[in-house]
């Protein structure tokens, strides 16, 4: 990859390899028929579920109703994995737990296009 010097000189550069945690960002899309009570439940469920996984830096978890998309409402989930050597296993555990909890709660998501 080549980055022009002018871009580097004008942009803040962040060295993510020096970070003590591995940052993970995911977006889920909920159908427009999701009501406000369900949205509140989704946000709470995501934060609780993610923070319940061993290896997640719980003080860094953020969940937001992010935006209205073309075909659904987007929720942004950001969390940090404390054990950077296990980031893939922790991310897998988070995704599986979210899937289980959504299924148990009768909540649905839609595929990203």
N, C-alpha and C. Protein backbone atom coordinates (compact mmCIF):
# COMPACT_ATOMS: atom_id res chain seq x y z
N UNK A 1 0.84 -1.16 0.00
CA UNK A 1 0.00 0.00 0.00
C UNK A 1 0.90 1.23 0.00
N UNK A 2 0.52 2.21 -0.77
CA UNK A 2 1.26 3.46 -0.84
C UNK A 2 0.36 4.60 -0.37
N UNK A 3 0.89 5.40 0.56
CA UNK A 3 0.17 6.55 1.08
C UNK A 3 0.99 7.80 0.74
N UNK A 4 0.40 8.73 0.04
CA UNK A 4 1.15 9.95 -0.31
C UNK A 4 1.58 10.71 0.95
N UNK A 5 2.77 11.30 0.89
CA UNK A 5 3.30 12.06 2.02
C UNK A 5 2.35 13.18 2.45
N UNK A 6 1.69 13.80 1.48
CA UNK A 6 0.78 14.90 1.82
C UNK A 6 -0.36 14.41 2.72
N UNK A 7 -0.83 13.17 2.49
CA UNK A 7 -1.89 12.61 3.35
C UNK A 7 -1.38 12.37 4.76
N UNK A 8 -0.18 11.84 4.88
CA UNK A 8 0.40 11.56 6.19
C UNK A 8 0.65 12.86 6.95
N UNK A 9 1.13 13.88 6.26
CA UNK A 9 1.45 15.16 6.90
C UNK A 9 0.20 15.88 7.39
N UNK A 10 -0.94 15.66 6.74
CA UNK A 10 -2.16 16.39 7.08
C UNK A 10 -3.13 15.59 7.95
N UNK A 11 -2.79 14.37 8.28
CA UNK A 11 -3.71 13.50 8.99
C UNK A 11 -3.08 12.99 10.28
N UNK A 12 -3.90 12.87 11.30
CA UNK A 12 -3.42 12.28 12.55
C UNK A 12 -3.22 10.79 12.32
N UNK A 13 -2.07 10.27 12.68
CA UNK A 13 -1.76 8.86 12.52
C UNK A 13 -1.80 8.20 13.89
N UNK A 14 -2.51 7.09 13.95
CA UNK A 14 -2.64 6.37 15.21
C UNK A 14 -2.00 5.00 15.05
N UNK A 15 -1.04 4.69 15.88
CA UNK A 15 -0.35 3.41 15.83
C UNK A 15 -1.14 2.40 16.66
N UNK A 16 -1.99 1.63 15.98
CA UNK A 16 -2.84 0.69 16.70
C UNK A 16 -2.07 -0.51 17.22
N UNK A 17 -0.89 -0.77 16.68
CA UNK A 17 -0.10 -1.90 17.17
C UNK A 17 0.44 -1.65 18.57
N UNK A 18 0.44 -0.39 19.01
CA UNK A 18 0.92 -0.09 20.34
C UNK A 18 -0.20 -0.06 21.37
N UNK A 19 -1.43 -0.28 20.94
CA UNK A 19 -2.58 -0.26 21.84
C UNK A 19 -2.56 -1.48 22.77
N UNK A 20 -2.98 -1.29 24.02
CA UNK A 20 -2.98 -2.41 24.96
C UNK A 20 -4.13 -3.39 24.75
N UNK A 21 -5.11 -3.00 23.92
CA UNK A 21 -6.26 -3.87 23.65
C UNK A 21 -6.50 -3.93 22.15
N UNK A 22 -7.30 -4.90 21.73
CA UNK A 22 -7.70 -5.03 20.32
C UNK A 22 -9.12 -4.48 20.19
N UNK A 23 -9.29 -3.41 19.45
CA UNK A 23 -10.59 -2.76 19.26
C UNK A 23 -11.37 -3.48 18.17
N UNK A 24 -12.64 -3.75 18.47
CA UNK A 24 -13.52 -4.42 17.53
C UNK A 24 -14.79 -3.59 17.35
N UNK A 25 -15.17 -3.34 16.10
CA UNK A 25 -16.37 -2.59 15.80
C UNK A 25 -17.24 -3.45 14.89
N UNK A 26 -18.52 -3.57 15.25
CA UNK A 26 -19.48 -4.31 14.44
C UNK A 26 -20.74 -3.48 14.29
N UNK A 27 -21.44 -3.70 13.20
CA UNK A 27 -22.74 -3.07 13.01
C UNK A 27 -23.79 -4.16 12.81
N UNK A 28 -24.91 -3.99 13.46
CA UNK A 28 -26.05 -4.87 13.27
C UNK A 28 -27.16 -4.03 12.66
N UNK A 29 -27.92 -4.63 11.82
CA UNK A 29 -29.04 -3.92 11.22
C UNK A 29 -30.34 -4.54 11.71
N UNK A 30 -31.20 -3.71 12.28
CA UNK A 30 -32.49 -4.16 12.77
C UNK A 30 -33.57 -3.74 11.80
N UNK A 31 -34.61 -4.54 11.67
CA UNK A 31 -35.69 -4.17 10.74
C UNK A 31 -36.42 -2.92 11.24
N UNK A 32 -36.98 -2.16 10.33
CA UNK A 32 -37.69 -0.93 10.69
C UNK A 32 -38.91 -1.20 11.57
N UNK A 33 -39.40 -2.41 11.60
CA UNK A 33 -40.53 -2.73 12.46
C UNK A 33 -40.12 -2.85 13.94
N UNK A 34 -38.83 -2.74 14.24
CA UNK A 34 -38.34 -2.77 15.61
C UNK A 34 -38.87 -1.54 16.35
N UNK A 35 -39.61 -1.76 17.44
CA UNK A 35 -40.15 -0.61 18.18
C UNK A 35 -39.12 -0.10 19.21
N UNK A 36 -39.46 0.99 19.86
CA UNK A 36 -38.49 1.62 20.77
C UNK A 36 -38.16 0.72 21.96
N UNK A 37 -39.12 -0.01 22.48
CA UNK A 37 -38.84 -0.92 23.59
C UNK A 37 -37.88 -2.03 23.15
N UNK A 38 -38.07 -2.55 21.95
CA UNK A 38 -37.17 -3.57 21.43
C UNK A 38 -35.77 -2.99 21.21
N UNK A 39 -35.70 -1.76 20.70
CA UNK A 39 -34.40 -1.12 20.49
C UNK A 39 -33.67 -0.98 21.82
N UNK A 40 -34.37 -0.53 22.85
CA UNK A 40 -33.76 -0.41 24.18
C UNK A 40 -33.26 -1.77 24.66
N UNK A 41 -34.07 -2.80 24.43
CA UNK A 41 -33.69 -4.17 24.84
C UNK A 41 -32.45 -4.63 24.07
N UNK A 42 -32.39 -4.35 22.78
CA UNK A 42 -31.23 -4.73 21.96
C UNK A 42 -29.96 -4.08 22.50
N UNK A 43 -30.02 -2.78 22.75
CA UNK A 43 -28.83 -2.07 23.23
C UNK A 43 -28.36 -2.62 24.58
N UNK A 44 -29.30 -2.86 25.47
CA UNK A 44 -28.97 -3.42 26.79
C UNK A 44 -28.41 -4.84 26.66
N UNK A 45 -29.06 -5.64 25.84
CA UNK A 45 -28.64 -7.03 25.66
C UNK A 45 -27.24 -7.11 25.07
N UNK A 46 -26.94 -6.27 24.10
CA UNK A 46 -25.61 -6.28 23.49
C UNK A 46 -24.54 -5.94 24.52
N UNK A 47 -24.76 -4.88 25.27
CA UNK A 47 -23.75 -4.47 26.25
C UNK A 47 -23.55 -5.54 27.33
N UNK A 48 -24.64 -6.06 27.85
CA UNK A 48 -24.56 -7.08 28.90
C UNK A 48 -23.89 -8.35 28.37
N UNK A 49 -24.27 -8.76 27.18
CA UNK A 49 -23.72 -9.99 26.60
C UNK A 49 -22.23 -9.86 26.33
N UNK A 50 -21.84 -8.77 25.70
CA UNK A 50 -20.42 -8.56 25.38
C UNK A 50 -19.59 -8.50 26.66
N UNK A 51 -20.07 -7.76 27.65
CA UNK A 51 -19.32 -7.61 28.89
C UNK A 51 -19.26 -8.88 29.71
N UNK A 52 -20.10 -9.85 29.37
CA UNK A 52 -20.08 -11.13 30.07
C UNK A 52 -19.07 -12.13 29.52
N UNK A 53 -18.39 -11.76 28.45
CA UNK A 53 -17.42 -12.66 27.82
C UNK A 53 -16.04 -12.44 28.40
N UNK A 54 -15.41 -13.53 28.82
CA UNK A 54 -14.05 -13.47 29.36
C UNK A 54 -13.09 -12.95 28.29
N UNK A 55 -12.33 -11.93 28.65
CA UNK A 55 -11.37 -11.35 27.72
C UNK A 55 -11.77 -9.99 27.19
N UNK A 56 -13.01 -9.58 27.44
CA UNK A 56 -13.47 -8.26 26.99
C UNK A 56 -13.15 -7.23 28.08
N UNK A 57 -12.58 -6.10 27.66
CA UNK A 57 -12.31 -4.99 28.57
C UNK A 57 -13.63 -4.24 28.77
N UNK A 58 -14.36 -4.56 29.81
CA UNK A 58 -15.75 -4.10 29.98
C UNK A 58 -15.90 -2.58 30.06
N UNK A 59 -14.90 -1.89 30.53
CA UNK A 59 -15.01 -0.43 30.64
C UNK A 59 -14.95 0.27 29.29
N UNK A 60 -14.63 -0.47 28.25
CA UNK A 60 -14.49 0.11 26.91
C UNK A 60 -15.67 -0.19 25.98
N UNK A 61 -16.67 -0.91 26.45
CA UNK A 61 -17.79 -1.31 25.59
C UNK A 61 -18.73 -0.14 25.34
N UNK A 62 -19.08 0.05 24.07
CA UNK A 62 -20.01 1.11 23.67
C UNK A 62 -21.04 0.52 22.70
N UNK A 63 -22.30 0.84 22.93
CA UNK A 63 -23.38 0.38 22.05
C UNK A 63 -24.29 1.57 21.78
N UNK A 64 -24.56 1.83 20.50
CA UNK A 64 -25.37 2.99 20.13
C UNK A 64 -26.31 2.64 18.97
N UNK A 65 -27.50 3.24 19.03
CA UNK A 65 -28.37 3.26 17.85
C UNK A 65 -27.71 4.27 16.93
N UNK A 66 -27.08 3.80 15.87
CA UNK A 66 -26.14 4.59 15.09
C UNK A 66 -26.80 5.43 14.01
N UNK A 67 -27.67 4.80 13.21
CA UNK A 67 -28.29 5.57 12.13
C UNK A 67 -29.42 4.79 11.49
N UNK A 68 -30.21 5.55 10.72
CA UNK A 68 -31.24 4.95 9.89
C UNK A 68 -30.61 4.64 8.54
N UNK A 69 -30.66 3.38 8.15
CA UNK A 69 -30.10 2.98 6.87
C UNK A 69 -31.17 2.85 5.81
N UNK A 70 -30.75 2.43 4.64
CA UNK A 70 -31.70 2.29 3.53
C UNK A 70 -32.74 1.21 3.80
N UNK A 71 -32.32 0.15 4.49
CA UNK A 71 -33.25 -0.95 4.68
C UNK A 71 -33.32 -1.44 6.13
N UNK A 72 -32.91 -0.61 7.06
CA UNK A 72 -32.99 -0.98 8.46
C UNK A 72 -32.28 0.03 9.35
N UNK A 73 -32.44 -0.15 10.65
CA UNK A 73 -31.81 0.73 11.62
C UNK A 73 -30.49 0.09 12.06
N UNK A 74 -29.43 0.88 12.05
CA UNK A 74 -28.11 0.34 12.35
C UNK A 74 -27.73 0.59 13.80
N UNK A 75 -27.23 -0.45 14.42
CA UNK A 75 -26.71 -0.39 15.79
C UNK A 75 -25.22 -0.64 15.70
N UNK A 76 -24.44 0.22 16.34
CA UNK A 76 -22.98 0.09 16.33
C UNK A 76 -22.53 -0.44 17.69
N UNK A 77 -21.73 -1.48 17.63
CA UNK A 77 -21.16 -2.11 18.82
C UNK A 77 -19.64 -1.98 18.73
N UNK A 78 -19.06 -1.41 19.78
CA UNK A 78 -17.61 -1.28 19.85
C UNK A 78 -17.16 -1.83 21.20
N UNK A 79 -16.19 -2.72 21.15
CA UNK A 79 -15.63 -3.25 22.40
C UNK A 79 -14.16 -3.53 22.20
N UNK A 80 -13.45 -3.67 23.32
CA UNK A 80 -12.02 -3.91 23.28
C UNK A 80 -11.72 -5.26 23.91
N UNK A 81 -10.81 -5.98 23.29
CA UNK A 81 -10.40 -7.29 23.78
C UNK A 81 -9.09 -7.11 24.52
N UNK A 82 -9.11 -7.44 25.81
CA UNK A 82 -7.95 -7.20 26.67
C UNK A 82 -6.78 -8.11 26.33
N UNK A 83 -7.06 -9.35 25.99
CA UNK A 83 -6.00 -10.31 25.68
C UNK A 83 -5.80 -10.33 24.16
N UNK A 84 -4.87 -9.50 23.69
CA UNK A 84 -4.70 -9.35 22.24
C UNK A 84 -4.25 -10.63 21.55
N UNK A 85 -3.65 -11.57 22.30
CA UNK A 85 -3.24 -12.83 21.70
C UNK A 85 -4.42 -13.75 21.43
N UNK A 86 -5.55 -13.49 22.09
CA UNK A 86 -6.75 -14.33 21.92
C UNK A 86 -7.89 -13.58 21.21
N UNK A 87 -7.57 -12.51 20.50
CA UNK A 87 -8.64 -11.67 19.98
C UNK A 87 -9.63 -12.41 19.09
N UNK A 88 -9.15 -13.35 18.29
CA UNK A 88 -10.07 -14.07 17.40
C UNK A 88 -11.01 -14.97 18.18
N UNK A 89 -10.50 -15.66 19.17
CA UNK A 89 -11.34 -16.54 20.00
C UNK A 89 -12.36 -15.73 20.80
N UNK A 90 -11.94 -14.58 21.32
CA UNK A 90 -12.86 -13.74 22.08
C UNK A 90 -13.93 -13.16 21.17
N UNK A 91 -13.54 -12.72 19.99
CA UNK A 91 -14.52 -12.18 19.04
C UNK A 91 -15.54 -13.26 18.65
N UNK A 92 -15.07 -14.47 18.43
CA UNK A 92 -15.95 -15.59 18.11
C UNK A 92 -16.92 -15.84 19.27
N UNK A 93 -16.42 -15.82 20.49
CA UNK A 93 -17.27 -16.05 21.67
C UNK A 93 -18.32 -14.95 21.79
N UNK A 94 -17.93 -13.71 21.52
CA UNK A 94 -18.88 -12.59 21.56
C UNK A 94 -19.97 -12.79 20.52
N UNK A 95 -19.61 -13.09 19.29
CA UNK A 95 -20.59 -13.26 18.22
C UNK A 95 -21.55 -14.41 18.50
N UNK A 96 -21.02 -15.52 19.00
CA UNK A 96 -21.88 -16.67 19.32
C UNK A 96 -22.84 -16.33 20.45
N UNK A 97 -22.34 -15.62 21.46
CA UNK A 97 -23.19 -15.25 22.59
C UNK A 97 -24.30 -14.29 22.16
N UNK A 98 -23.96 -13.33 21.32
CA UNK A 98 -24.97 -12.40 20.81
C UNK A 98 -26.04 -13.16 20.03
N UNK A 99 -25.61 -14.07 19.18
CA UNK A 99 -26.56 -14.85 18.37
C UNK A 99 -27.50 -15.64 19.29
N UNK A 100 -26.93 -16.31 20.30
CA UNK A 100 -27.74 -17.08 21.25
C UNK A 100 -28.75 -16.20 21.99
N UNK A 101 -28.28 -15.06 22.49
CA UNK A 101 -29.14 -14.17 23.27
C UNK A 101 -30.25 -13.55 22.42
N UNK A 102 -29.93 -13.17 21.19
CA UNK A 102 -30.96 -12.64 20.30
C UNK A 102 -32.01 -13.70 20.01
N UNK A 103 -31.55 -14.90 19.74
CA UNK A 103 -32.48 -16.00 19.46
C UNK A 103 -33.38 -16.26 20.65
N UNK A 104 -32.81 -16.32 21.85
CA UNK A 104 -33.58 -16.59 23.06
C UNK A 104 -34.59 -15.47 23.34
N UNK A 105 -34.24 -14.22 23.01
CA UNK A 105 -35.11 -13.08 23.26
C UNK A 105 -36.12 -12.85 22.14
N UNK A 106 -36.02 -13.64 21.06
CA UNK A 106 -36.93 -13.47 19.93
C UNK A 106 -36.67 -12.20 19.13
N UNK A 107 -35.43 -11.70 19.19
CA UNK A 107 -35.05 -10.49 18.45
C UNK A 107 -34.44 -10.91 17.12
N UNK A 108 -34.67 -10.10 16.11
CA UNK A 108 -34.09 -10.44 14.81
C UNK A 108 -33.22 -9.32 14.27
N UNK A 109 -32.24 -9.72 13.49
CA UNK A 109 -31.42 -8.78 12.77
C UNK A 109 -31.58 -9.09 11.28
N UNK A 110 -31.13 -8.17 10.45
CA UNK A 110 -31.18 -8.40 9.03
C UNK A 110 -29.78 -8.41 8.48
N UNK A 111 -29.62 -9.10 7.38
CA UNK A 111 -28.30 -9.19 6.76
C UNK A 111 -27.84 -7.85 6.25
N UNK A 112 -26.56 -7.59 6.36
CA UNK A 112 -25.98 -6.39 5.77
C UNK A 112 -25.86 -6.63 4.26
N UNK A 113 -26.16 -5.60 3.50
CA UNK A 113 -26.08 -5.73 2.04
C UNK A 113 -24.65 -5.56 1.57
